[in-house]
Amino acid sequence: MKKNQLYLGDCVEIMTNQIEKESVNLIFADPPYNLSGNGLHWKGNKTGGDWYMVNEEWDRMSAPEYLQFTRKWIGGAYRILKDGGSIYISCTYHNISEVMIVLKQLDFKINNIITWQKTNAMPNMTRRVFTHSTEFVVWAVKGKKWIFNYEDLKKMNPDKQKDGSLKQMRDVWQLPLVQGKERIRGKDNRAIHPTQKPEEMLRRIILASSNKGDVVLDPFLGSGTTTFVAKKLGRHWIGIEKDKKYFKVAENRMKL
């Protein structure tokens, strides 16, 4: 197994055949949410520019296919996690039920469901439901002796007590959708990856549940945020991505 390496291919196959059993301290996963299909978009949006809903082949499965897919990749993650290792899984209401069911079936302990409140949420185009402004990150652990750097989280918490003293990090994180210089865009100025996660989110997760020199793995690397932040924080990193376009973006990002 090679550390500080990007793998191009299917994450289940790579986790099974190329990653050693019980060798990873922390996994962050941003799997397909299985919500593509309608191709909604809003050109000329005055508050945030042109907006396009995720509409990708890799994000389109039947309900039984999606549950089977979830079982396979989380099962692969369980195999490679060390005892006491953590897994954080990004999801929405579309797929949180499948994630929770499989985690419980595999005897993971679910510690928190972090709510990501997006301060610049996408618009409500249908006007028939409440505007969706949250996603979730499920934090689960394998075994009992997990890492949780409580004091470090208090130090990085932007919220303070009334007297200015440090405050415990809570399970609701107010972070904007990725924008500005952090957003990786193509020549057409459209976001290269539709679900790029904020670096601040990964910074909190990596500092919370790993130490310097630990191994951090992302099985759905996308544009490379997890490995990029892990490298900056002094962790070993492994990224897996099966889309050649996204893999190239992540590869270039890791050279920065």
C-alpha atoms as a PDB file:
ATOM      1  CA  MET A   1       0.000   0.000   0.000  1.00  0.00           C
ATOM      2  CA  LYS A   2       1.329   3.413  -0.975  1.00  0.00           C
ATOM      3  CA  LYS A   3       0.706   6.457   1.187  1.00  0.00           C
ATOM      4  CA  ASN A   4       0.408   9.959  -0.267  1.00  0.00           C
ATOM      5  CA  GLN A   5      -1.028   8.434  -3.413  1.00  0.00           C
ATOM      6  CA  LEU A   6      -4.003   9.039  -5.701  1.00  0.00           C
ATOM      7  CA  TYR A   7      -5.700   5.993  -7.229  1.00  0.00           C
ATOM      8  CA  LEU A   8      -7.767   6.119 -10.430  1.00  0.00           C
ATOM      9  CA  GLY A   9     -10.525   3.530 -10.360  1.00  0.00           C
ATOM     10  CA  ASP A  10     -13.456   2.024  -8.479  1.00  0.00           C
ATOM     11  CA  CYS A  11     -13.178   2.633  -4.737  1.00  0.00           C
ATOM     12  CA  VAL A  12     -14.540  -0.773  -3.707  1.00  0.00           C
ATOM     13  CA  GLU A  13     -12.010  -2.611  -5.873  1.00  0.00           C
ATOM     14  CA  ILE A  14      -9.117  -0.425  -4.724  1.00  0.00           C
ATOM     15  CA  MET A  15     -10.031  -0.601  -1.033  1.00  0.00           C
ATOM     16  CA  THR A  16     -10.314  -4.385  -1.362  1.00  0.00           C
ATOM     17  CA  ASN A  17      -7.193  -5.072  -3.409  1.00  0.00           C
ATOM     18  CA  GLN A  18      -4.723  -2.228  -2.844  1.00  0.00           C
ATOM     19  CA  ILE A  19      -5.344  -0.837   0.648  1.00  0.00           C
ATOM     20  CA  GLU A  20      -4.118  -2.913   3.582  1.00  0.00           C
ATOM     21  CA  LYS A  21      -6.597  -4.152   6.165  1.00  0.00           C
ATOM     22  CA  GLU A  22      -6.854  -1.904   9.244  1.00  0.00           C
ATOM     23  CA  SER A  23      -4.334   0.618   7.912  1.00  0.00           C
ATOM     24  CA  VAL A  24      -6.342   3.871   7.801  1.00  0.00           C
ATOM     25  CA  ASN A  25      -7.073   6.193  10.740  1.00  0.00           C
ATOM     26  CA  LEU A  26      -9.722   8.422   9.189  1.00  0.00           C
ATOM     27  CA  ILE A  27     -12.036   8.246   6.185  1.00  0.00           C
ATOM     28  CA  PHE A  28     -14.001  11.147   4.790  1.00  0.00           C
ATOM     29  CA  ALA A  29     -16.501  10.142   2.109  1.00  0.00           C
ATOM     30  CA  ASP A  30     -18.711  12.278  -0.085  1.00  0.00           C
ATOM     31  CA  PRO A  31     -20.554   9.555  -2.047  1.00  0.00           C
ATOM     32  CA  PRO A  32     -23.174  10.158  -4.728  1.00  0.00           C
ATOM     33  CA  TYR A  33     -26.411  11.336  -3.126  1.00  0.00           C
ATOM     34  CA  ASN A  34     -28.531   9.699  -5.848  1.00  0.00           C
ATOM     35  CA  LEU A  35     -30.566  12.801  -6.612  1.00  0.00           C
ATOM     36  CA  SER A  36     -29.765  13.494 -10.267  1.00  0.00           C
ATOM     37  CA  GLY A  37     -32.276  13.306 -13.043  1.00  0.00           C
ATOM     38  CA  ASN A  38     -34.202  16.505 -13.674  1.00  0.00           C
ATOM     39  CA  GLY A  39     -31.450  18.790 -14.975  1.00  0.00           C
ATOM     40  CA  LEU A  40     -32.784  21.918 -13.258  1.00  0.00           C
ATOM     41  CA  HIS A  41     -30.800  25.077 -13.817  1.00  0.00           C
ATOM     42  CA  TRP A  42     -31.204  28.803 -13.311  1.00  0.00           C
ATOM     43  CA  LYS A  43     -29.272  31.060 -15.635  1.00  0.00           C
ATOM     44  CA  GLY A  44     -28.884  34.692 -14.719  1.00  0.00           C
ATOM     45  CA  ASN A  45     -29.353  34.183 -10.982  1.00  0.00           C
ATOM     46  CA  LYS A  46     -28.465  37.612  -9.577  1.00  0.00           C
ATOM     47  CA  THR A  47     -27.365  36.473  -6.101  1.00  0.00           C
ATOM     48  CA  GLY A  48     -24.844  33.754  -6.986  1.00  0.00           C
ATOM     49  CA  GLY A  49     -24.473  33.499 -10.727  1.00  0.00           C
ATOM     50  CA  ASP A  50     -25.736  30.688 -12.965  1.00  0.00           C
ATOM     51  CA  TRP A  51     -26.909  27.659 -10.962  1.00  0.00           C
ATOM     52  CA  TYR A  52     -27.090  24.047 -12.121  1.00  0.00           C
ATOM     53  CA  MET A  53     -28.491  21.131 -10.110  1.00  0.00           C
ATOM     54  CA  VAL A  54     -26.316  18.003  -9.960  1.00  0.00           C
ATOM     55  CA  ASN A  55     -27.196  15.906 -13.012  1.00  0.00           C
ATOM     56  CA  GLU A  56     -24.548  13.224 -13.493  1.00  0.00           C
ATOM     57  CA  GLU A  57     -24.666   9.562 -14.539  1.00  0.00           C
ATOM     58  CA  TRP A  58     -22.660   8.533 -11.456  1.00  0.00           C
ATOM     59  CA  ASP A  59     -25.393  10.056  -9.284  1.00  0.00           C
ATOM     60  CA  ARG A  60     -28.321   8.129 -10.775  1.00  0.00           C
ATOM     61  CA  MET A  61     -29.322   4.671  -9.449  1.00  0.00           C
ATOM     62  CA  SER A  62     -32.495   2.803  -8.539  1.00  0.00           C
ATOM     63  CA  ALA A  63     -33.266   2.512  -4.817  1.00  0.00           C
ATOM     64  CA  PRO A  64     -32.143  -1.153  -4.585  1.00  0.00           C
ATOM     65  CA  GLU A  65     -28.977  -0.396  -6.578  1.00  0.00           C
ATOM     66  CA  TYR A  66     -28.136   2.504  -4.313  1.00  0.00           C
ATOM     67  CA  LEU A  67     -28.553   0.489  -1.114  1.00  0.00           C
ATOM     68  CA  GLN A  68     -26.346  -2.269  -2.539  1.00  0.00           C
ATOM     69  CA  PHE A  69     -23.757   0.310  -3.614  1.00  0.00           C
ATOM     70  CA  THR A  70     -23.778   1.831  -0.103  1.00  0.00           C
ATOM     71  CA  ARG A  71     -23.288  -1.589   1.506  1.00  0.00           C
ATOM     72  CA  LYS A  72     -20.342  -2.369  -0.733  1.00  0.00           C
ATOM     73  CA  TRP A  73     -18.349   0.812  -0.242  1.00  0.00           C
ATOM     74  CA  ILE A  74     -18.990   1.187   3.503  1.00  0.00           C
ATOM     75  CA  GLY A  75     -18.078  -2.493   3.889  1.00  0.00           C
ATOM     76  CA  GLY A  76     -14.808  -1.758   2.113  1.00  0.00           C
ATOM     77  CA  ALA A  77     -14.231   1.214   4.411  1.00  0.00           C
ATOM     78  CA  TYR A  78     -14.813  -0.940   7.507  1.00  0.00           C
ATOM     79  CA  ARG A  79     -12.163  -3.408   6.342  1.00  0.00           C
ATOM     80  CA  ILE A  80      -9.409  -0.805   5.969  1.00  0.00           C
ATOM     81  CA  LEU A  81     -10.200   1.286   9.077  1.00  0.00           C
ATOM     82  CA  LYS A  82      -8.057   0.683  12.141  1.00  0.00           C
ATOM     83  CA  ASP A  83      -9.732  -0.203  15.412  1.00  0.00           C
ATOM     84  CA  GLY A  84     -10.694   3.178  16.842  1.00  0.00           C
ATOM     85  CA  GLY A  85     -10.772   4.728  13.364  1.00  0.00           C
ATOM     86  CA  SER A  86     -13.396   7.264  12.295  1.00  0.00           C
ATOM     87  CA  ILE A  87     -15.511   7.623   9.179  1.00  0.00           C
ATOM     88  CA  TYR A  88     -17.331  10.821   8.235  1.00  0.00           C
ATOM     89  CA  ILE A  89     -19.960  10.510   5.497  1.00  0.00           C
ATOM     90  CA  SER A  90     -21.456  13.524   3.764  1.00  0.00           C
ATOM     91  CA  CYS A  91     -25.139  13.125   2.854  1.00  0.00           C
ATOM     92  CA  THR A  92     -28.550  14.781   2.584  1.00  0.00           C
ATOM     93  CA  TYR A  93     -32.060  13.655   3.401  1.00  0.00           C
ATOM     94  CA  HIS A  94     -31.978  11.828   0.051  1.00  0.00           C
ATOM     95  CA  ASN A  95     -29.486   9.201   1.235  1.00  0.00           C
ATOM     96  CA  ILE A  96     -29.016   9.477   5.006  1.00  0.00           C
ATOM     97  CA  SER A  97     -31.332   6.516   5.644  1.00  0.00           C
ATOM     98  CA  GLU A  98     -29.208   4.122   3.564  1.00  0.00           C
ATOM     99  CA  VAL A  99     -26.016   5.398   5.198  1.00  0.00           C
ATOM    100  CA  MET A 100     -27.388   4.971   8.730  1.00  0.00           C
ATOM    101  CA  ILE A 101     -28.795   1.489   8.067  1.00  0.00           C
ATOM    102  CA  VAL A 102     -25.523   0.159   6.658  1.00  0.00           C
ATOM    103  CA  LEU A 103     -23.399   1.723   9.409  1.00  0.00           C
ATOM    104  CA  LYS A 104     -25.571   0.024  12.039  1.00  0.00           C
ATOM    105  CA  GLN A 105     -25.502  -3.305  10.184  1.00  0.00           C
ATOM    106  CA  LEU A 106     -21.701  -3.206  10.205  1.00  0.00           C
ATOM    107  CA  ASP A 107     -21.628  -2.406  13.948  1.00  0.00           C
ATOM    108  CA  PHE A 108     -20.209   1.090  13.615  1.00  0.00           C
ATOM    109  CA  LYS A 109     -20.961   3.390  16.546  1.00  0.00           C
ATOM    110  CA  ILE A 110     -22.622   6.601  15.371  1.00  0.00           C
ATOM    111  CA  ASN A 111     -21.297   9.498  17.461  1.00  0.00           C
ATOM    112  CA  ASN A 112     -22.810  12.557  15.780  1.00  0.00           C
ATOM    113  CA  ILE A 113     -24.820  13.767  12.852  1.00  0.00           C
ATOM    114  CA  ILE A 114     -23.308  17.138  12.025  1.00  0.00           C
ATOM    115  CA  THR A 115     -25.652  19.586  10.313  1.00  0.00           C
ATOM    116  CA  TRP A 116     -23.987  21.769   7.712  1.00  0.00           C
ATOM    117  CA  GLN A 117     -26.025  24.965   7.481  1.00  0.00           C
ATOM    118  CA  LYS A 118     -25.163  26.583   4.177  1.00  0.00           C
ATOM    119  CA  THR A 119     -25.084  30.330   4.636  1.00  0.00           C
ATOM    120  CA  ASN A 120     -25.464  30.902   0.881  1.00  0.00           C
ATOM    121  CA  ALA A 121     -27.877  28.086   0.050  1.00  0.00           C
ATOM    122  CA  MET A 122     -29.064  27.535  -3.512  1.00  0.00           C
ATOM    123  CA  PRO A 123     -32.424  29.088  -4.456  1.00  0.00           C
ATOM    124  CA  ASN A 124     -35.806  27.426  -4.144  1.00  0.00           C
ATOM    125  CA  MET A 125     -36.926  27.161  -7.746  1.00  0.00           C
ATOM    126  CA  THR A 126     -40.208  25.266  -7.306  1.00  0.00           C
ATOM    127  CA  ARG A 127     -41.524  27.419  -4.427  1.00  0.00           C
ATOM    128  CA  ARG A 128     -43.484  24.383  -3.222  1.00  0.00           C
ATOM    129  CA  VAL A 129     -41.271  23.368  -0.272  1.00  0.00           C
ATOM    130  CA  PHE A 130     -39.088  25.016   2.369  1.00  0.00           C
ATOM    131  CA  THR A 131     -35.766  26.097   0.882  1.00  0.00           C
ATOM    132  CA  HIS A 132     -33.164  23.376   1.417  1.00  0.00           C
ATOM    133  CA  SER A 133     -30.211  24.944   3.226  1.00  0.00           C
ATOM    134  CA  THR A 134     -28.645  22.005   5.065  1.00  0.00           C
ATOM    135  CA  GLU A 135     -26.637  18.853   4.452  1.00  0.00           C
ATOM    136  CA  PHE A 136     -25.391  16.330   6.994  1.00  0.00           C
ATOM    137  CA  VAL A 137     -22.123  14.653   7.914  1.00  0.00           C
ATOM    138  CA  VAL A 138     -22.515  11.383   9.816  1.00  0.00           C
ATOM    139  CA  TRP A 139     -19.576  10.625  12.121  1.00  0.00           C
ATOM    140  CA  ALA A 140     -19.194   6.967  13.079  1.00  0.00           C
ATOM    141  CA  VAL A 141     -16.372   5.007  14.683  1.00  0.00           C
ATOM    142  CA  LYS A 142     -15.047   1.457  14.569  1.00  0.00           C
ATOM    143  CA  GLY A 143     -14.351   0.204  18.081  1.00  0.00           C
ATOM    144  CA  LYS A 144     -14.165   2.194  21.297  1.00  0.00           C
ATOM    145  CA  LYS A 145     -10.874   4.086  21.538  1.00  0.00           C
ATOM    146  CA  TRP A 146     -11.484   6.735  18.879  1.00  0.00           C
ATOM    147  CA  ILE A 147      -9.560   9.984  18.505  1.00  0.00           C
ATOM    148  CA  PHE A 148     -11.385  13.193  19.377  1.00  0.00           C
ATOM    149  CA  ASN A 149      -9.209  16.269  19.834  1.00  0.00           C
ATOM    150  CA  TYR A 150     -11.695  18.158  21.972  1.00  0.00           C
ATOM    151  CA  GLU A 151      -9.416  21.017  23.064  1.00  0.00           C
ATOM    152  CA  ASP A 152      -8.183  21.658  19.514  1.00  0.00           C
ATOM    153  CA  LEU A 153     -11.788  21.952  18.347  1.00  0.00           C
ATOM    154  CA  LYS A 154     -12.533  24.505  21.062  1.00  0.00           C
ATOM    155  CA  LYS A 155      -9.563  26.582  19.887  1.00  0.00           C
ATOM    156  CA  MET A 156     -10.703  26.590  16.256  1.00  0.00           C
ATOM    157  CA  ASN A 157     -14.377  27.183  17.049  1.00  0.00           C
ATOM    158  CA  PRO A 158     -15.323  30.622  15.639  1.00  0.00           C
ATOM    159  CA  ASP A 159     -18.095  30.886  18.239  1.00  0.00           C
ATOM    160  CA  LYS A 160     -17.053  32.132  21.681  1.00  0.00           C
ATOM    161  CA  GLN A 161     -18.652  32.450  25.101  1.00  0.00           C
ATOM    162  CA  LYS A 162     -20.094  35.862  26.052  1.00  0.00           C
ATOM    163  CA  ASP A 163     -16.903  36.664  27.962  1.00  0.00           C
ATOM    164  CA  GLY A 164     -14.770  35.764  24.921  1.00  0.00           C
ATOM    165  CA  SER A 165     -13.562  32.435  26.299  1.00  0.00           C
ATOM    166  CA  LEU A 166     -13.423  29.249  24.258  1.00  0.00           C
ATOM    167  CA  LYS A 167     -16.605  27.359  23.503  1.00  0.00           C
ATOM    168  CA  GLN A 168     -17.283  23.709  22.736  1.00  0.00           C
ATOM    169  CA  MET A 169     -17.656  22.875  19.040  1.00  0.00           C
ATOM    170  CA  ARG A 170     -21.285  21.997  18.439  1.00  0.00           C
ATOM    171  CA  ASP A 171     -22.833  19.761  15.803  1.00  0.00           C
ATOM    172  CA  VAL A 172     -24.210  22.589  13.633  1.00  0.00           C
ATOM    173  CA  TRP A 173     -21.616  24.162  11.342  1.00  0.00           C
ATOM    174  CA  GLN A 174     -22.407  27.371   9.482  1.00  0.00           C
ATOM    175  CA  LEU A 175     -20.269  27.347   6.348  1.00  0.00           C
ATOM    176  CA  PRO A 176     -20.859  28.779   2.877  1.00  0.00           C
ATOM    177  CA  LEU A 177     -20.952  26.729  -0.278  1.00  0.00           C
ATOM    178  CA  VAL A 178     -17.556  26.869  -1.939  1.00  0.00           C
ATOM    179  CA  GLN A 179     -17.128  30.080  -3.882  1.00  0.00           C
ATOM    180  CA  GLY A 180     -14.506  32.636  -4.897  1.00  0.00           C
ATOM    181  CA  LYS A 181     -10.893  31.550  -5.313  1.00  0.00           C
ATOM    182  CA  GLU A 182     -11.499  28.252  -3.520  1.00  0.00           C
ATOM    183  CA  ARG A 183     -13.969  27.110  -6.200  1.00  0.00           C
ATOM    184  CA  ILE A 184     -12.239  25.151  -8.959  1.00  0.00           C
ATOM    185  CA  ARG A 185     -13.646  26.174 -12.333  1.00  0.00           C
ATOM    186  CA  GLY A 186     -13.181  25.147 -15.934  1.00  0.00           C
ATOM    187  CA  LYS A 187     -12.517  27.328 -18.954  1.00  0.00           C
ATOM    188  CA  ASP A 188     -16.259  28.010 -19.245  1.00  0.00           C
ATOM    189  CA  ASN A 189     -16.189  29.382 -15.650  1.00  0.00           C
ATOM    190  CA  ARG A 190     -18.569  26.655 -14.479  1.00  0.00           C
ATOM    191  CA  ALA A 191     -17.613  24.681 -11.379  1.00  0.00           C
ATOM    192  CA  ILE A 192     -15.646  21.616 -12.434  1.00  0.00           C
ATOM    193  CA  HIS A 193     -17.127  19.443  -9.696  1.00  0.00           C
ATOM    194  CA  PRO A 194     -20.762  20.021  -8.639  1.00  0.00           C
ATOM    195  CA  THR A 195     -20.326  19.018  -4.991  1.00  0.00           C
ATOM    196  CA  GLN A 196     -16.936  20.473  -4.007  1.00  0.00           C
ATOM    197  CA  LYS A 197     -16.790  20.638  -0.195  1.00  0.00           C
ATOM    198  CA  PRO A 198     -15.392  23.589   1.804  1.00  0.00           C
ATOM    199  CA  GLU A 199     -11.795  23.283   2.972  1.00  0.00           C
ATOM    200  CA  GLU A 200     -12.914  24.490   6.406  1.00  0.00           C
ATOM    201  CA  MET A 201     -15.208  21.465   6.754  1.00  0.00           C
ATOM    202  CA  LEU A 202     -12.327  19.079   6.076  1.00  0.00           C
ATOM    203  CA  ARG A 203      -9.997  21.034   8.350  1.00  0.00           C
ATOM    204  CA  ARG A 204     -12.375  20.544  11.279  1.00  0.00           C
ATOM    205  CA  ILE A 205     -12.911  16.861  10.554  1.00  0.00           C
ATOM    206  CA  ILE A 206      -9.237  16.029  10.074  1.00  0.00           C
ATOM    207  CA  LEU A 207      -8.101  17.958  13.145  1.00  0.00           C
ATOM    208  CA  ALA A 208     -10.918  16.435  15.224  1.00  0.00           C
ATOM    209  CA  SER A 209     -10.336  12.771  14.421  1.00  0.00           C
ATOM    210  CA  SER A 210      -6.679  12.295  13.459  1.00  0.00           C
ATOM    211  CA  ASN A 211      -3.194  13.277  14.556  1.00  0.00           C
ATOM    212  CA  LYS A 212      -0.123  14.286  12.562  1.00  0.00           C
ATOM    213  CA  GLY A 213       1.306  11.316  10.693  1.00  0.00           C
ATOM    214  CA  ASP A 214      -2.031   9.470  10.599  1.00  0.00           C
ATOM    215  CA  VAL A 215      -3.498   8.166   7.336  1.00  0.00           C
ATOM    216  CA  VAL A 216      -6.553   9.953   5.900  1.00  0.00           C
ATOM    217  CA  LEU A 217      -8.425   8.378   2.972  1.00  0.00           C
ATOM    218  CA  ASP A 218     -11.180   9.650   0.692  1.00  0.00           C
ATOM    219  CA  PRO A 219     -12.863   6.999  -1.527  1.00  0.00           C
ATOM    220  CA  PHE A 220     -14.778   9.591  -3.618  1.00  0.00           C
ATOM    221  CA  LEU A 221     -12.074  12.219  -3.946  1.00  0.00           C
ATOM    222  CA  GLY A 222     -13.672  14.435  -6.575  1.00  0.00           C
ATOM    223  CA  SER A 223     -11.691  17.663  -6.907  1.00  0.00           C
ATOM    224  CA  GLY A 224      -9.245  16.643  -4.156  1.00  0.00           C
ATOM    225  CA  THR A 225     -10.259  18.731  -1.145  1.00  0.00           C
ATOM    226  CA  THR A 226      -9.668  15.965   1.430  1.00  0.00           C
ATOM    227  CA  THR A 227      -6.146  15.086   0.333  1.00  0.00           C
ATOM    228  CA  PHE A 228      -5.271  18.755  -0.206  1.00  0.00           C
ATOM    229  CA  VAL A 229      -6.236  19.679   3.372  1.00  0.00           C
ATOM    230  CA  ALA A 230      -4.759  16.488   4.875  1.00  0.00           C
ATOM    231  CA  LYS A 231      -1.399  17.260   3.283  1.00  0.00           C
ATOM    232  CA  LYS A 232      -1.428  20.822   4.666  1.00  0.00           C
ATOM    233  CA  LEU A 233      -2.176  19.464   8.142  1.00  0.00           C
ATOM    234  CA  GLY A 234       0.718  16.995   8.160  1.00  0.00           C
ATOM    235  CA  ARG A 235      -1.273  13.807   7.603  1.00  0.00           C
ATOM    236  CA  HIS A 236      -0.553  11.003   5.154  1.00  0.00           C
ATOM    237  CA  TRP A 237      -3.237  10.880   2.494  1.00  0.00           C
ATOM    238  CA  ILE A 238      -4.845   8.500   0.014  1.00  0.00           C
ATOM    239  CA  GLY A 239      -7.447   9.512  -2.547  1.00  0.00           C
ATOM    240  CA  ILE A 240      -9.568   7.355  -4.867  1.00  0.00           C
ATOM    241  CA  GLU A 241     -11.487   8.740  -7.838  1.00  0.00           C
ATOM    242  CA  LYS A 242     -12.906   6.872 -10.826  1.00  0.00           C
ATOM    243  CA  ASP A 243     -13.730   9.830 -13.082  1.00  0.00           C
ATOM    244  CA  LYS A 244     -10.676  10.709 -15.183  1.00  0.00           C
ATOM    245  CA  LYS A 245     -11.596  14.396 -15.423  1.00  0.00           C
ATOM    246  CA  TYR A 246     -11.924  14.829 -11.663  1.00  0.00           C
ATOM    247  CA  PHE A 247      -8.844  12.687 -11.052  1.00  0.00           C
ATOM    248  CA  LYS A 248      -6.759  15.040 -13.194  1.00  0.00           C
ATOM    249  CA  VAL A 249      -8.092  18.058 -11.280  1.00  0.00           C
ATOM    250  CA  ALA A 250      -7.195  16.450  -7.949  1.00  0.00           C
ATOM    251  CA  GLU A 251      -3.781  15.434  -9.266  1.00  0.00           C
ATOM    252  CA  ASN A 252      -2.997  18.982 -10.324  1.00  0.00           C
ATOM    253  CA  ARG A 253      -4.267  20.329  -7.017  1.00  0.00           C
ATOM    254  CA  MET A 254      -1.923  18.087  -5.048  1.00  0.00           C
ATOM    255  CA  LYS A 255       1.030  19.605  -6.885  1.00  0.00           C
ATOM    256  CA  LEU A 256       0.299  23.062  -5.446  1.00  0.00           C
END
